[in-house]
Amino acid sequence: MILSVLIPFIQQMFLFKAKSIVQSDDNGGEPELVLRFLQEVEEQAEEVLADKQQIVDLDIKRNQNREALRDLQRELGSSEHV
């Protein structure tokens, strides 16, 4: 759910920054500025991907914990009926 909000936000920020670079670049092109911008975008994209992977890993762990807790509850419930 967080990613469904985060990705459009990142896309909007990317478009805003790209438009501001293009509008401020009236001197025929400054490749250093564009390169620096693309490097920043790549760094931030790597952080987003790392965060996404961490969310997936934590969700897997949460499910494993839920399953283990349910197994313990079943085991406790079956031993009480004996």
N, C-alpha and C. Protein backbone atom coordinates (compact mmCIF):
# COMPACT_ATOMS: atom_id res chain seq x y z
N MET A 1 0.82 -1.18 0.00
CA MET A 1 0.00 0.00 0.00
C MET A 1 0.87 1.26 0.00
N ILE A 2 1.95 1.22 0.75
CA ILE A 2 2.84 2.38 0.80
C ILE A 2 3.44 2.64 -0.58
N LEU A 3 3.81 1.58 -1.27
CA LEU A 3 4.41 1.75 -2.60
C LEU A 3 3.43 2.35 -3.59
N SER A 4 2.15 2.05 -3.44
CA SER A 4 1.16 2.60 -4.37
C SER A 4 1.06 4.12 -4.23
N VAL A 5 1.43 4.65 -3.08
CA VAL A 5 1.46 6.10 -2.88
C VAL A 5 2.83 6.65 -3.23
N LEU A 6 3.86 5.91 -2.88
CA LEU A 6 5.23 6.39 -3.03
C LEU A 6 5.65 6.49 -4.50
N ILE A 7 5.31 5.52 -5.31
CA ILE A 7 5.77 5.51 -6.70
C ILE A 7 5.21 6.69 -7.50
N PRO A 8 3.91 7.00 -7.43
CA PRO A 8 3.44 8.20 -8.15
C PRO A 8 4.10 9.48 -7.64
N PHE A 9 4.36 9.55 -6.34
CA PHE A 9 5.03 10.72 -5.79
C PHE A 9 6.43 10.87 -6.38
N ILE A 10 7.16 9.78 -6.46
CA ILE A 10 8.52 9.81 -7.02
C ILE A 10 8.46 10.20 -8.49
N GLN A 11 7.48 9.68 -9.21
CA GLN A 11 7.34 10.03 -10.62
C GLN A 11 7.07 11.52 -10.79
N GLN A 12 6.22 12.08 -9.95
CA GLN A 12 5.92 13.51 -10.03
C GLN A 12 7.16 14.34 -9.71
N MET A 13 7.92 13.93 -8.71
CA MET A 13 9.14 14.65 -8.34
C MET A 13 10.15 14.59 -9.49
N PHE A 14 10.26 13.43 -10.13
CA PHE A 14 11.17 13.27 -11.26
C PHE A 14 10.77 14.21 -12.39
N LEU A 15 9.48 14.24 -12.73
CA LEU A 15 9.02 15.10 -13.81
C LEU A 15 9.22 16.57 -13.48
N PHE A 16 8.95 16.95 -12.24
CA PHE A 16 9.14 18.34 -11.82
C PHE A 16 10.60 18.75 -11.94
N LYS A 17 11.49 17.89 -11.45
CA LYS A 17 12.93 18.20 -11.50
C LYS A 17 13.41 18.23 -12.95
N ALA A 18 12.95 17.29 -13.77
CA ALA A 18 13.36 17.27 -15.18
C ALA A 18 12.90 18.53 -15.90
N LYS A 19 11.67 18.95 -15.64
CA LYS A 19 11.16 20.17 -16.28
C LYS A 19 11.95 21.39 -15.85
N SER A 20 12.31 21.46 -14.57
CA SER A 20 13.07 22.61 -14.10
C SER A 20 14.47 22.64 -14.71
N ILE A 21 15.07 21.48 -14.94
CA ILE A 21 16.38 21.44 -15.59
C ILE A 21 16.27 21.91 -17.03
N VAL A 22 15.26 21.42 -17.74
CA VAL A 22 15.09 21.80 -19.14
C VAL A 22 14.80 23.30 -19.25
N GLN A 23 13.96 23.83 -18.38
CA GLN A 23 13.60 25.25 -18.45
C GLN A 23 14.78 26.14 -18.09
N SER A 24 15.63 25.71 -17.16
CA SER A 24 16.76 26.55 -16.75
C SER A 24 17.96 26.39 -17.67
N ASP A 25 17.86 25.51 -18.64
CA ASP A 25 18.99 25.20 -19.51
C ASP A 25 18.83 25.88 -20.86
N ASP A 26 18.93 27.22 -20.86
CA ASP A 26 18.77 27.99 -22.10
C ASP A 26 20.10 28.25 -22.81
N ASN A 27 21.20 27.78 -22.26
CA ASN A 27 22.52 28.06 -22.83
C ASN A 27 22.98 26.99 -23.82
N GLY A 28 22.10 26.18 -24.31
CA GLY A 28 22.50 25.18 -25.28
C GLY A 28 22.84 23.84 -24.67
N GLY A 29 22.71 23.70 -23.38
CA GLY A 29 22.92 22.40 -22.74
C GLY A 29 24.06 22.41 -21.75
N GLU A 30 23.79 21.90 -20.58
CA GLU A 30 24.81 21.70 -19.57
C GLU A 30 24.79 20.23 -19.19
N PRO A 31 25.61 19.43 -19.84
CA PRO A 31 25.58 17.99 -19.59
C PRO A 31 25.91 17.62 -18.13
N GLU A 32 26.72 18.45 -17.47
CA GLU A 32 27.07 18.15 -16.08
C GLU A 32 25.83 18.19 -15.18
N LEU A 33 24.97 19.17 -15.44
CA LEU A 33 23.76 19.32 -14.64
C LEU A 33 22.82 18.13 -14.86
N VAL A 34 22.66 17.75 -16.10
CA VAL A 34 21.80 16.61 -16.42
C VAL A 34 22.38 15.33 -15.83
N LEU A 35 23.69 15.15 -15.95
CA LEU A 35 24.34 13.96 -15.42
C LEU A 35 24.18 13.89 -13.90
N ARG A 36 24.37 15.01 -13.23
CA ARG A 36 24.23 15.05 -11.77
C ARG A 36 22.79 14.71 -11.37
N PHE A 37 21.83 15.25 -12.12
CA PHE A 37 20.43 14.95 -11.84
C PHE A 37 20.15 13.46 -12.00
N LEU A 38 20.64 12.88 -13.08
CA LEU A 38 20.41 11.45 -13.32
C LEU A 38 21.08 10.59 -12.26
N GLN A 39 22.24 11.02 -11.77
CA GLN A 39 22.90 10.28 -10.70
C GLN A 39 22.06 10.32 -9.42
N GLU A 40 21.51 11.49 -9.12
CA GLU A 40 20.65 11.61 -7.94
C GLU A 40 19.41 10.72 -8.07
N VAL A 41 18.83 10.71 -9.25
CA VAL A 41 17.65 9.88 -9.48
C VAL A 41 18.01 8.41 -9.30
N GLU A 42 19.14 8.00 -9.84
CA GLU A 42 19.56 6.60 -9.71
C GLU A 42 19.80 6.23 -8.25
N GLU A 43 20.43 7.10 -7.49
CA GLU A 43 20.68 6.82 -6.07
C GLU A 43 19.36 6.68 -5.31
N GLN A 44 18.44 7.57 -5.59
CA GLN A 44 17.15 7.51 -4.90
C GLN A 44 16.35 6.28 -5.33
N ALA A 45 16.46 5.91 -6.59
CA ALA A 45 15.77 4.71 -7.07
C ALA A 45 16.33 3.47 -6.39
N GLU A 46 17.64 3.42 -6.19
CA GLU A 46 18.25 2.29 -5.49
C GLU A 46 17.75 2.21 -4.06
N GLU A 47 17.58 3.35 -3.41
CA GLU A 47 17.05 3.36 -2.04
C GLU A 47 15.61 2.85 -2.02
N VAL A 48 14.82 3.26 -3.00
CA VAL A 48 13.43 2.81 -3.07
C VAL A 48 13.38 1.30 -3.28
N LEU A 49 14.21 0.78 -4.17
CA LEU A 49 14.23 -0.66 -4.42
C LEU A 49 14.69 -1.43 -3.18
N ALA A 50 15.67 -0.89 -2.47
CA ALA A 50 16.13 -1.54 -1.24
C ALA A 50 15.02 -1.54 -0.19
N ASP A 51 14.31 -0.42 -0.08
CA ASP A 51 13.19 -0.35 0.87
C ASP A 51 12.09 -1.32 0.49
N LYS A 52 11.82 -1.43 -0.80
CA LYS A 52 10.79 -2.36 -1.28
C LYS A 52 11.17 -3.79 -0.93
N GLN A 53 12.43 -4.14 -1.12
CA GLN A 53 12.88 -5.49 -0.79
C GLN A 53 12.78 -5.74 0.71
N GLN A 54 13.10 -4.73 1.50
CA GLN A 54 12.99 -4.87 2.95
C GLN A 54 11.53 -5.09 3.35
N ILE A 55 10.61 -4.39 2.70
CA ILE A 55 9.19 -4.58 2.99
C ILE A 55 8.78 -6.01 2.67
N VAL A 56 9.23 -6.53 1.54
CA VAL A 56 8.91 -7.91 1.16
C VAL A 56 9.48 -8.89 2.18
N ASP A 57 10.73 -8.69 2.57
CA ASP A 57 11.37 -9.58 3.54
C ASP A 57 10.65 -9.55 4.89
N LEU A 58 10.28 -8.36 5.34
CA LEU A 58 9.57 -8.24 6.61
C LEU A 58 8.18 -8.86 6.53
N ASP A 59 7.53 -8.77 5.39
CA ASP A 59 6.21 -9.38 5.22
C ASP A 59 6.32 -10.90 5.29
N ILE A 60 7.36 -11.44 4.68
CA ILE A 60 7.58 -12.89 4.74
C ILE A 60 7.79 -13.32 6.19
N LYS A 61 8.62 -12.57 6.91
CA LYS A 61 8.88 -12.89 8.32
C LYS A 61 7.60 -12.78 9.14
N ARG A 62 6.79 -11.76 8.88
CA ARG A 62 5.52 -11.60 9.60
C ARG A 62 4.61 -12.80 9.37
N ASN A 63 4.54 -13.26 8.13
CA ASN A 63 3.71 -14.43 7.83
C ASN A 63 4.23 -15.68 8.52
N GLN A 64 5.56 -15.84 8.54
CA GLN A 64 6.14 -16.99 9.24
C GLN A 64 5.81 -16.95 10.72
N ASN A 65 5.91 -15.77 11.32
CA ASN A 65 5.57 -15.63 12.74
C ASN A 65 4.09 -15.92 12.99
N ARG A 66 3.24 -15.45 12.10
CA ARG A 66 1.81 -15.70 12.24
C ARG A 66 1.51 -17.19 12.16
N GLU A 67 2.15 -17.88 11.21
CA GLU A 67 1.95 -19.32 11.06
C GLU A 67 2.46 -20.08 12.29
N ALA A 68 3.61 -19.68 12.80
CA ALA A 68 4.17 -20.34 13.99
C ALA A 68 3.27 -20.11 15.20
N LEU A 69 2.76 -18.91 15.36
CA LEU A 69 1.86 -18.62 16.47
C LEU A 69 0.59 -19.45 16.36
N ARG A 70 0.06 -19.56 15.17
CA ARG A 70 -1.16 -20.37 14.96
C ARG A 70 -0.89 -21.84 15.27
N ASP A 71 0.27 -22.35 14.87
CA ASP A 71 0.62 -23.74 15.19
C ASP A 71 0.72 -23.95 16.69
N LEU A 72 1.31 -23.00 17.39
CA LEU A 72 1.41 -23.10 18.86
C LEU A 72 0.03 -23.06 19.50
N GLN A 73 -0.85 -22.21 18.98
CA GLN A 73 -2.21 -22.14 19.53
C GLN A 73 -2.95 -23.45 19.30
N ARG A 74 -2.79 -24.04 18.14
CA ARG A 74 -3.43 -25.34 17.85
C ARG A 74 -2.88 -26.42 18.76
N GLU A 75 -1.56 -26.42 18.93
CA GLU A 75 -0.92 -27.43 19.78
C GLU A 75 -1.40 -27.29 21.22
N LEU A 76 -1.48 -26.09 21.70
CA LEU A 76 -1.95 -25.84 23.06
C LEU A 76 -3.42 -26.24 23.19
N GLY A 77 -4.21 -25.93 22.18
CA GLY A 77 -5.63 -26.29 22.20
C GLY A 77 -5.84 -27.79 22.18
N SER A 78 -5.05 -28.52 21.41
CA SER A 78 -5.22 -29.97 21.33
C SER A 78 -4.75 -30.65 22.61
N SER A 79 -3.77 -30.09 23.29
CA SER A 79 -3.30 -30.71 24.53
C SER A 79 -4.28 -30.46 25.67
N GLU A 80 -5.07 -29.39 25.61
CA GLU A 80 -6.07 -29.12 26.63
C GLU A 80 -7.26 -30.07 26.51
N HIS A 81 -7.55 -30.54 25.31
CA HIS A 81 -8.69 -31.43 25.09
C HIS A 81 -8.39 -32.86 25.49
N VAL A 82 -7.16 -33.20 25.72
CA VAL A 82 -6.78 -34.58 26.04
C VAL A 82 -6.98 -34.90 27.47
